[in-house]
Amino acid sequence: MSYSLSILRRAQKELAQIPHGDYERVVEAIRDLAENPRPAGCRKLAAREGWRIRVGDFRVIYEIDDGQRSVTVLHVGNRRDVYR
């Protein structure tokens, strides 16, 4: 059973700024979160609520609500910027 997927407006703007070649890979990884919100290599964040996946040099920060079966993407960006 799949999860519903939502992307915050802030994350949509961050996603739009990613170079085209990397954009396709990041979007595919986000779509895959609907089927498996905890894929291999995901990590629970220690400094704040949420999870993260790596897509090359980019990170996708998201929250999972198992009760409502939803995934909310909070941030998308380069690894040097996304945790700030």
N, C-alpha and C. Protein backbone atom coordinates (compact mmCIF):
# COMPACT_ATOMS: atom_id res chain seq x y z
N MET A 1 0.85 -1.18 0.00
CA MET A 1 0.00 0.00 0.00
C MET A 1 0.89 1.24 0.00
N SER A 2 0.58 2.17 -0.85
CA SER A 2 1.45 3.34 -1.00
C SER A 2 1.01 4.49 -0.08
N TYR A 3 1.94 5.39 0.12
CA TYR A 3 1.73 6.59 0.93
C TYR A 3 1.37 7.74 0.00
N SER A 4 0.61 8.70 0.53
CA SER A 4 0.37 9.92 -0.24
C SER A 4 1.62 10.79 -0.12
N LEU A 5 1.89 11.56 -1.14
CA LEU A 5 3.12 12.35 -1.20
C LEU A 5 2.76 13.81 -1.36
N SER A 6 3.34 14.66 -0.51
CA SER A 6 3.14 16.10 -0.65
C SER A 6 4.50 16.78 -0.53
N ILE A 7 4.64 17.87 -1.26
CA ILE A 7 5.90 18.62 -1.28
C ILE A 7 5.57 20.05 -0.88
N LEU A 8 6.22 20.54 0.17
CA LEU A 8 6.00 21.92 0.60
C LEU A 8 6.42 22.89 -0.50
N ARG A 9 5.80 24.06 -0.52
CA ARG A 9 6.12 25.08 -1.54
C ARG A 9 7.61 25.43 -1.52
N ARG A 10 8.18 25.52 -0.33
CA ARG A 10 9.61 25.82 -0.20
C ARG A 10 10.45 24.75 -0.89
N ALA A 11 10.07 23.48 -0.70
CA ALA A 11 10.80 22.38 -1.32
C ALA A 11 10.60 22.38 -2.84
N GLN A 12 9.42 22.79 -3.31
CA GLN A 12 9.18 22.88 -4.75
C GLN A 12 10.10 23.91 -5.38
N LYS A 13 10.28 25.05 -4.71
CA LYS A 13 11.17 26.08 -5.22
C LYS A 13 12.61 25.60 -5.23
N GLU A 14 13.01 24.90 -4.18
CA GLU A 14 14.37 24.36 -4.12
C GLU A 14 14.59 23.33 -5.22
N LEU A 15 13.58 22.52 -5.47
CA LEU A 15 13.66 21.49 -6.51
C LEU A 15 13.79 22.12 -7.89
N ALA A 16 13.11 23.22 -8.12
CA ALA A 16 13.16 23.89 -9.42
C ALA A 16 14.53 24.47 -9.73
N GLN A 17 15.37 24.68 -8.72
CA GLN A 17 16.69 25.27 -8.92
C GLN A 17 17.78 24.22 -9.16
N ILE A 18 17.43 22.95 -9.11
CA ILE A 18 18.41 21.88 -9.32
C ILE A 18 18.70 21.76 -10.82
N PRO A 19 19.98 21.57 -11.21
CA PRO A 19 20.32 21.40 -12.63
C PRO A 19 19.56 20.23 -13.25
N HIS A 20 19.27 20.34 -14.53
CA HIS A 20 18.38 19.41 -15.22
C HIS A 20 18.80 17.94 -15.08
N GLY A 21 20.06 17.63 -15.24
CA GLY A 21 20.51 16.24 -15.16
C GLY A 21 20.24 15.62 -13.80
N ASP A 22 20.47 16.37 -12.76
CA ASP A 22 20.23 15.88 -11.40
C ASP A 22 18.75 15.94 -11.04
N TYR A 23 18.04 16.86 -11.62
CA TYR A 23 16.62 17.05 -11.34
C TYR A 23 15.83 15.76 -11.56
N GLU A 24 16.07 15.09 -12.68
CA GLU A 24 15.35 13.87 -13.00
C GLU A 24 15.59 12.79 -11.95
N ARG A 25 16.83 12.65 -11.50
CA ARG A 25 17.14 11.63 -10.49
C ARG A 25 16.48 11.95 -9.16
N VAL A 26 16.48 13.22 -8.78
CA VAL A 26 15.89 13.63 -7.50
C VAL A 26 14.37 13.43 -7.53
N VAL A 27 13.74 13.81 -8.63
CA VAL A 27 12.29 13.64 -8.75
C VAL A 27 11.92 12.16 -8.69
N GLU A 28 12.69 11.32 -9.34
CA GLU A 28 12.43 9.87 -9.31
C GLU A 28 12.57 9.33 -7.89
N ALA A 29 13.58 9.79 -7.15
CA ALA A 29 13.76 9.35 -5.77
C ALA A 29 12.59 9.80 -4.89
N ILE A 30 12.08 11.00 -5.13
CA ILE A 30 10.93 11.50 -4.37
C ILE A 30 9.69 10.67 -4.68
N ARG A 31 9.48 10.35 -5.94
CA ARG A 31 8.33 9.51 -6.32
C ARG A 31 8.40 8.14 -5.67
N ASP A 32 9.61 7.60 -5.57
CA ASP A 32 9.78 6.28 -4.96
C ASP A 32 9.44 6.28 -3.47
N LEU A 33 9.51 7.44 -2.82
CA LEU A 33 9.16 7.53 -1.40
C LEU A 33 7.70 7.17 -1.15
N ALA A 34 6.83 7.36 -2.13
CA ALA A 34 5.42 7.02 -1.97
C ALA A 34 5.25 5.51 -1.81
N GLU A 35 6.08 4.72 -2.47
CA GLU A 35 6.00 3.27 -2.37
C GLU A 35 6.77 2.73 -1.17
N ASN A 36 7.93 3.33 -0.89
CA ASN A 36 8.77 2.88 0.22
C ASN A 36 9.37 4.10 0.92
N PRO A 37 8.73 4.59 1.99
CA PRO A 37 9.22 5.81 2.64
C PRO A 37 10.53 5.62 3.42
N ARG A 38 10.93 4.39 3.61
CA ARG A 38 12.20 4.11 4.31
C ARG A 38 13.08 3.22 3.43
N PRO A 39 13.58 3.76 2.32
CA PRO A 39 14.40 2.94 1.42
C PRO A 39 15.78 2.66 2.02
N ALA A 40 16.50 1.75 1.40
CA ALA A 40 17.86 1.45 1.86
C ALA A 40 18.69 2.73 1.77
N GLY A 41 19.43 3.00 2.82
CA GLY A 41 20.28 4.20 2.84
C GLY A 41 19.64 5.42 3.45
N CYS A 42 18.35 5.35 3.80
CA CYS A 42 17.73 6.52 4.44
C CYS A 42 18.22 6.59 5.88
N ARG A 43 18.18 7.79 6.43
CA ARG A 43 18.63 7.99 7.81
C ARG A 43 17.63 8.86 8.56
N LYS A 44 17.42 8.53 9.81
CA LYS A 44 16.62 9.40 10.68
C LYS A 44 17.53 10.52 11.14
N LEU A 45 17.06 11.75 11.07
CA LEU A 45 17.87 12.90 11.47
C LEU A 45 17.95 12.99 12.98
N ALA A 46 19.12 13.33 13.48
CA ALA A 46 19.33 13.44 14.92
C ALA A 46 19.05 14.86 15.42
N ALA A 47 19.40 15.86 14.62
CA ALA A 47 19.30 17.24 15.07
C ALA A 47 17.86 17.78 15.01
N ARG A 48 17.02 17.17 14.22
CA ARG A 48 15.63 17.62 14.11
C ARG A 48 14.76 16.46 13.65
N GLU A 49 13.46 16.69 13.61
CA GLU A 49 12.54 15.66 13.16
C GLU A 49 12.72 15.39 11.68
N GLY A 50 12.53 14.18 11.28
CA GLY A 50 12.52 13.86 9.87
C GLY A 50 13.53 12.80 9.47
N TRP A 51 13.53 12.53 8.18
CA TRP A 51 14.39 11.54 7.55
C TRP A 51 15.08 12.21 6.38
N ARG A 52 16.14 11.55 5.87
CA ARG A 52 16.82 12.07 4.69
C ARG A 52 17.25 10.92 3.80
N ILE A 53 17.23 11.20 2.50
CA ILE A 53 17.81 10.28 1.52
C ILE A 53 18.84 11.06 0.72
N ARG A 54 19.83 10.34 0.22
CA ARG A 54 20.88 10.93 -0.60
C ARG A 54 20.62 10.60 -2.06
N VAL A 55 20.78 11.61 -2.91
CA VAL A 55 20.69 11.43 -4.35
C VAL A 55 21.89 12.17 -4.93
N GLY A 56 23.02 11.48 -5.04
CA GLY A 56 24.25 12.14 -5.47
C GLY A 56 24.67 13.15 -4.43
N ASP A 57 24.91 14.39 -4.86
CA ASP A 57 25.28 15.46 -3.93
C ASP A 57 24.07 16.14 -3.32
N PHE A 58 22.87 15.68 -3.64
CA PHE A 58 21.65 16.31 -3.16
C PHE A 58 21.03 15.49 -2.05
N ARG A 59 20.30 16.17 -1.18
CA ARG A 59 19.61 15.53 -0.07
C ARG A 59 18.13 15.90 -0.12
N VAL A 60 17.29 14.95 0.23
CA VAL A 60 15.85 15.17 0.34
C VAL A 60 15.51 14.94 1.81
N ILE A 61 15.00 15.97 2.47
CA ILE A 61 14.59 15.91 3.87
C ILE A 61 13.07 15.79 3.89
N TYR A 62 12.57 14.79 4.62
CA TYR A 62 11.13 14.56 4.62
C TYR A 62 10.67 13.99 5.95
N GLU A 63 9.35 14.06 6.16
CA GLU A 63 8.73 13.50 7.36
C GLU A 63 7.76 12.41 6.93
N ILE A 64 7.60 11.41 7.79
CA ILE A 64 6.70 10.30 7.52
C ILE A 64 5.62 10.29 8.60
N ASP A 65 4.36 10.18 8.18
CA ASP A 65 3.24 10.02 9.10
C ASP A 65 2.61 8.67 8.80
N ASP A 66 2.98 7.66 9.61
CA ASP A 66 2.48 6.31 9.36
C ASP A 66 0.98 6.19 9.65
N GLY A 67 0.47 7.01 10.56
CA GLY A 67 -0.95 6.97 10.88
C GLY A 67 -1.83 7.36 9.70
N GLN A 68 -1.44 8.42 9.01
CA GLN A 68 -2.20 8.88 7.84
C GLN A 68 -1.60 8.39 6.54
N ARG A 69 -0.51 7.62 6.63
CA ARG A 69 0.18 7.07 5.48
C ARG A 69 0.54 8.18 4.49
N SER A 70 1.27 9.17 4.99
CA SER A 70 1.68 10.28 4.14
C SER A 70 3.17 10.59 4.33
N VAL A 71 3.77 11.10 3.26
CA VAL A 71 5.15 11.55 3.26
C VAL A 71 5.14 13.02 2.84
N THR A 72 5.79 13.88 3.61
CA THR A 72 5.86 15.30 3.30
C THR A 72 7.32 15.69 3.09
N VAL A 73 7.64 16.17 1.88
CA VAL A 73 9.00 16.60 1.57
C VAL A 73 9.17 18.02 2.08
N LEU A 74 10.18 18.23 2.95
CA LEU A 74 10.40 19.52 3.58
C LEU A 74 11.45 20.35 2.86
N HIS A 75 12.58 19.73 2.49
CA HIS A 75 13.68 20.44 1.84
C HIS A 75 14.31 19.54 0.79
N VAL A 76 14.81 20.18 -0.27
CA VAL A 76 15.58 19.51 -1.29
C VAL A 76 16.75 20.44 -1.63
N GLY A 77 17.96 19.92 -1.58
CA GLY A 77 19.09 20.78 -1.91
C GLY A 77 20.41 20.09 -1.86
N ASN A 78 21.44 20.86 -2.17
CA ASN A 78 22.80 20.36 -2.13
C ASN A 78 23.16 20.04 -0.68
N ARG A 79 23.99 19.05 -0.49
CA ARG A 79 24.33 18.59 0.85
C ARG A 79 24.96 19.67 1.71
N ARG A 80 25.65 20.62 1.11
CA ARG A 80 26.32 21.66 1.91
C ARG A 80 25.33 22.70 2.43
N ASP A 81 24.13 22.78 1.83
CA ASP A 81 23.17 23.82 2.18
C ASP A 81 21.92 23.31 2.89
N VAL A 82 21.54 22.08 2.67
CA VAL A 82 20.21 21.62 3.06
C VAL A 82 20.00 21.51 4.57
N TYR A 83 21.05 21.31 5.34
CA TYR A 83 20.87 21.14 6.78
C TYR A 83 20.86 22.46 7.55
N ARG A 84 21.07 23.57 6.88
CA ARG A 84 21.11 24.88 7.54
C ARG A 84 19.72 25.43 7.77
